[in-house]
Each structure stands twice: as C-alpha cells, then as structure tokens.
Amino acid sequence: MRVVALKTLRDFWGQHPDAEQPLRAWHDEVGDATWRTPADIKAQFGNASILFIKFVGTHAEYDRIDVETVENR
C-alpha cells in the first residue's frame, strides 16, 4: 500500500509528539502491506473499516469538523 500524505502525518506529530510513535508504526505496517482487496485487509485486521482518510486530527478537532465537507489539509 502506498501512503500518499506522509507529510500530513509528520505535520500532525510535530504538533502532537505523543502521536508520532503510533503513526510511524501504522505507516510502517501499511507501507509493507501487499493487500489487493478489502478482504485482504479484513483478514489481517478483522475490525477494520474500509474508508478514505481525509483528516488527521485530535478528538477535539474531529468534533468540530463537518465530515461531509472536510478537505485534506
């Protein structure tokens, strides 16, 4: 899998240092993945939801956005 917005993750953990290690671990895991279908993802992560991530933020920031209109930042 190719993560196209690593800069977004870096910017976020620059402001929220506690998020760096979990985000790096996630990035490493998905960067090495060879998933071809959503079923491949579900086989590895049974509780995974298939979606496109358009926003990285804190819980408080998420509570203030309109998820229908949010754009990548």
N, C-alpha and C. Protein backbone atom coordinates (compact mmCIF):
# COMPACT_ATOMS: atom_id res chain seq x y z
N MET A 1 0.85 -1.17 0.00
CA MET A 1 0.00 0.00 0.00
C MET A 1 0.89 1.23 0.00
N ARG A 2 0.48 2.25 -0.69
CA ARG A 2 1.24 3.50 -0.75
C ARG A 2 0.50 4.58 0.02
N VAL A 3 1.17 5.16 1.00
CA VAL A 3 0.61 6.28 1.75
C VAL A 3 1.03 7.55 1.03
N VAL A 4 0.07 8.34 0.57
CA VAL A 4 0.38 9.49 -0.26
C VAL A 4 0.57 10.77 0.54
N ALA A 5 0.28 10.77 1.82
CA ALA A 5 0.33 12.01 2.59
C ALA A 5 1.17 11.87 3.86
N LEU A 6 2.37 11.32 3.72
CA LEU A 6 3.23 11.19 4.89
C LEU A 6 3.51 12.56 5.50
N LYS A 7 3.61 13.59 4.70
CA LYS A 7 3.84 14.94 5.22
C LYS A 7 2.72 15.35 6.19
N THR A 8 1.50 14.96 5.88
CA THR A 8 0.37 15.27 6.76
C THR A 8 0.57 14.61 8.12
N LEU A 9 1.02 13.36 8.11
CA LEU A 9 1.28 12.67 9.37
C LEU A 9 2.42 13.35 10.13
N ARG A 10 3.49 13.69 9.43
CA ARG A 10 4.62 14.36 10.08
C ARG A 10 4.22 15.69 10.68
N ASP A 11 3.43 16.45 9.93
CA ASP A 11 2.95 17.74 10.45
C ASP A 11 2.14 17.54 11.72
N PHE A 12 1.29 16.50 11.71
CA PHE A 12 0.45 16.25 12.88
C PHE A 12 1.29 15.86 14.09
N TRP A 13 2.23 14.91 13.91
CA TRP A 13 3.00 14.51 15.08
C TRP A 13 4.00 15.58 15.49
N GLY A 14 4.30 16.51 14.62
CA GLY A 14 5.11 17.66 15.02
C GLY A 14 4.39 18.53 16.03
N GLN A 15 3.06 18.60 15.89
CA GLN A 15 2.24 19.36 16.83
C GLN A 15 1.78 18.52 18.01
N HIS A 16 1.77 17.21 17.84
CA HIS A 16 1.28 16.27 18.87
C HIS A 16 2.29 15.14 19.00
N PRO A 17 3.41 15.39 19.69
CA PRO A 17 4.50 14.41 19.75
C PRO A 17 4.09 13.02 20.25
N ASP A 18 3.07 12.94 21.09
CA ASP A 18 2.64 11.63 21.58
C ASP A 18 2.08 10.75 20.46
N ALA A 19 1.70 11.37 19.35
CA ALA A 19 1.13 10.61 18.24
C ALA A 19 2.20 10.05 17.30
N GLU A 20 3.45 10.49 17.46
CA GLU A 20 4.47 10.09 16.49
C GLU A 20 4.68 8.57 16.43
N GLN A 21 4.90 7.94 17.56
CA GLN A 21 5.19 6.50 17.55
C GLN A 21 4.03 5.69 16.99
N PRO A 22 2.78 5.92 17.42
CA PRO A 22 1.69 5.13 16.82
C PRO A 22 1.51 5.39 15.33
N LEU A 23 1.68 6.63 14.89
CA LEU A 23 1.54 6.92 13.47
C LEU A 23 2.68 6.32 12.65
N ARG A 24 3.90 6.36 13.18
CA ARG A 24 5.02 5.71 12.48
C ARG A 24 4.79 4.19 12.38
N ALA A 25 4.31 3.60 13.47
CA ALA A 25 4.06 2.15 13.47
C ALA A 25 2.99 1.80 12.43
N TRP A 26 1.91 2.61 12.38
CA TRP A 26 0.85 2.39 11.39
C TRP A 26 1.42 2.53 9.98
N HIS A 27 2.19 3.59 9.76
CA HIS A 27 2.76 3.84 8.43
C HIS A 27 3.66 2.68 8.00
N ASP A 28 4.50 2.21 8.90
CA ASP A 28 5.38 1.08 8.58
C ASP A 28 4.58 -0.18 8.23
N GLU A 29 3.54 -0.43 9.01
CA GLU A 29 2.72 -1.63 8.78
C GLU A 29 2.02 -1.57 7.43
N VAL A 30 1.37 -0.47 7.14
CA VAL A 30 0.63 -0.42 5.87
C VAL A 30 1.56 -0.23 4.69
N GLY A 31 2.72 0.39 4.92
CA GLY A 31 3.67 0.56 3.83
C GLY A 31 4.24 -0.76 3.33
N ASP A 32 4.31 -1.73 4.22
CA ASP A 32 4.83 -3.06 3.85
C ASP A 32 3.74 -4.01 3.37
N ALA A 33 2.49 -3.60 3.48
CA ALA A 33 1.37 -4.48 3.14
C ALA A 33 1.28 -4.71 1.63
N THR A 34 0.78 -5.87 1.28
CA THR A 34 0.56 -6.21 -0.13
C THR A 34 -0.91 -6.54 -0.36
N TRP A 35 -1.78 -5.79 0.30
CA TRP A 35 -3.21 -6.02 0.15
C TRP A 35 -3.63 -5.74 -1.28
N ARG A 36 -4.51 -6.59 -1.79
CA ARG A 36 -5.03 -6.40 -3.14
C ARG A 36 -6.53 -6.12 -3.13
N THR A 37 -7.19 -6.54 -2.07
CA THR A 37 -8.63 -6.34 -1.97
C THR A 37 -8.96 -5.95 -0.53
N PRO A 38 -10.14 -5.36 -0.32
CA PRO A 38 -10.56 -5.09 1.06
C PRO A 38 -10.59 -6.35 1.92
N ALA A 39 -10.88 -7.48 1.33
CA ALA A 39 -10.89 -8.74 2.09
C ALA A 39 -9.51 -9.06 2.65
N ASP A 40 -8.43 -8.69 1.93
CA ASP A 40 -7.08 -8.91 2.44
C ASP A 40 -6.84 -8.10 3.72
N ILE A 41 -7.34 -6.88 3.72
CA ILE A 41 -7.20 -6.03 4.91
C ILE A 41 -7.99 -6.63 6.07
N LYS A 42 -9.23 -7.03 5.79
CA LYS A 42 -10.08 -7.61 6.83
C LYS A 42 -9.49 -8.91 7.37
N ALA A 43 -8.77 -9.65 6.54
CA ALA A 43 -8.15 -10.89 7.01
C ALA A 43 -7.07 -10.58 8.05
N GLN A 44 -6.37 -9.46 7.87
CA GLN A 44 -5.32 -9.09 8.81
C GLN A 44 -5.87 -8.32 10.00
N PHE A 45 -6.83 -7.45 9.74
CA PHE A 45 -7.42 -6.60 10.77
C PHE A 45 -8.93 -6.79 10.72
N GLY A 46 -9.42 -7.76 11.45
CA GLY A 46 -10.83 -8.13 11.37
C GLY A 46 -11.81 -7.01 11.64
N ASN A 47 -11.42 -6.03 12.44
CA ASN A 47 -12.33 -4.94 12.78
C ASN A 47 -12.13 -3.71 11.90
N ALA A 48 -11.32 -3.83 10.88
CA ALA A 48 -11.03 -2.67 10.02
C ALA A 48 -12.27 -2.23 9.26
N SER A 49 -12.38 -0.91 9.11
CA SER A 49 -13.40 -0.32 8.25
C SER A 49 -12.69 0.19 7.01
N ILE A 50 -13.29 -0.01 5.87
CA ILE A 50 -12.70 0.44 4.62
C ILE A 50 -13.20 1.85 4.34
N LEU A 51 -12.27 2.79 4.33
CA LEU A 51 -12.63 4.19 4.11
C LEU A 51 -11.42 4.95 3.61
N PHE A 52 -11.67 6.18 3.13
CA PHE A 52 -10.59 7.05 2.72
C PHE A 52 -10.37 8.07 3.82
N ILE A 53 -9.13 8.23 4.24
CA ILE A 53 -8.82 9.17 5.31
C ILE A 53 -8.57 10.53 4.69
N LYS A 54 -9.37 11.50 5.11
CA LYS A 54 -9.24 12.85 4.59
C LYS A 54 -8.83 13.83 5.69
N PHE A 55 -8.70 13.34 6.91
CA PHE A 55 -8.45 14.23 8.04
C PHE A 55 -7.64 13.50 9.09
N VAL A 56 -6.61 14.15 9.59
CA VAL A 56 -5.86 13.64 10.74
C VAL A 56 -5.92 14.74 11.78
N GLY A 57 -6.44 14.41 12.93
CA GLY A 57 -6.57 15.42 13.98
C GLY A 57 -6.85 14.79 15.32
N THR A 58 -6.94 15.64 16.31
CA THR A 58 -7.26 15.18 17.66
C THR A 58 -8.77 14.91 17.74
N HIS A 59 -9.18 14.28 18.82
CA HIS A 59 -10.60 14.05 19.02
C HIS A 59 -11.36 15.38 19.07
N ALA A 60 -10.80 16.36 19.76
CA ALA A 60 -11.46 17.67 19.86
C ALA A 60 -11.58 18.33 18.48
N GLU A 61 -10.54 18.24 17.66
CA GLU A 61 -10.60 18.80 16.31
C GLU A 61 -11.65 18.08 15.47
N TYR A 62 -11.71 16.76 15.61
CA TYR A 62 -12.67 15.98 14.85
C TYR A 62 -14.10 16.38 15.22
N ASP A 63 -14.32 16.63 16.51
CA ASP A 63 -15.65 17.01 16.96
C ASP A 63 -16.13 18.32 16.35
N ARG A 64 -15.20 19.16 15.88
CA ARG A 64 -15.55 20.47 15.34
C ARG A 64 -15.70 20.50 13.81
N ILE A 65 -15.41 19.39 13.13
CA ILE A 65 -15.47 19.42 11.66
C ILE A 65 -16.79 18.86 11.14
N ASP A 66 -17.10 19.22 9.92
CA ASP A 66 -18.21 18.61 9.20
C ASP A 66 -17.60 17.54 8.30
N VAL A 67 -17.79 16.28 8.65
CA VAL A 67 -17.14 15.19 7.93
C VAL A 67 -17.59 15.09 6.48
N GLU A 68 -18.70 15.68 6.15
CA GLU A 68 -19.18 15.65 4.78
C GLU A 68 -18.43 16.63 3.87
N THR A 69 -17.83 17.65 4.45
CA THR A 69 -17.19 18.69 3.63
C THR A 69 -15.71 18.87 3.91
N VAL A 70 -15.15 18.14 4.85
CA VAL A 70 -13.74 18.32 5.21
C VAL A 70 -12.85 18.04 4.01
N GLU A 71 -11.80 18.84 3.86
CA GLU A 71 -10.80 18.65 2.80
C GLU A 71 -9.48 18.30 3.45
N ASN A 72 -8.61 17.66 2.69
CA ASN A 72 -7.26 17.36 3.20
C ASN A 72 -6.58 18.65 3.56
N ARG A 73 -5.80 18.60 4.63
CA ARG A 73 -5.06 19.81 4.97
C ARG A 73 -3.59 19.58 4.85
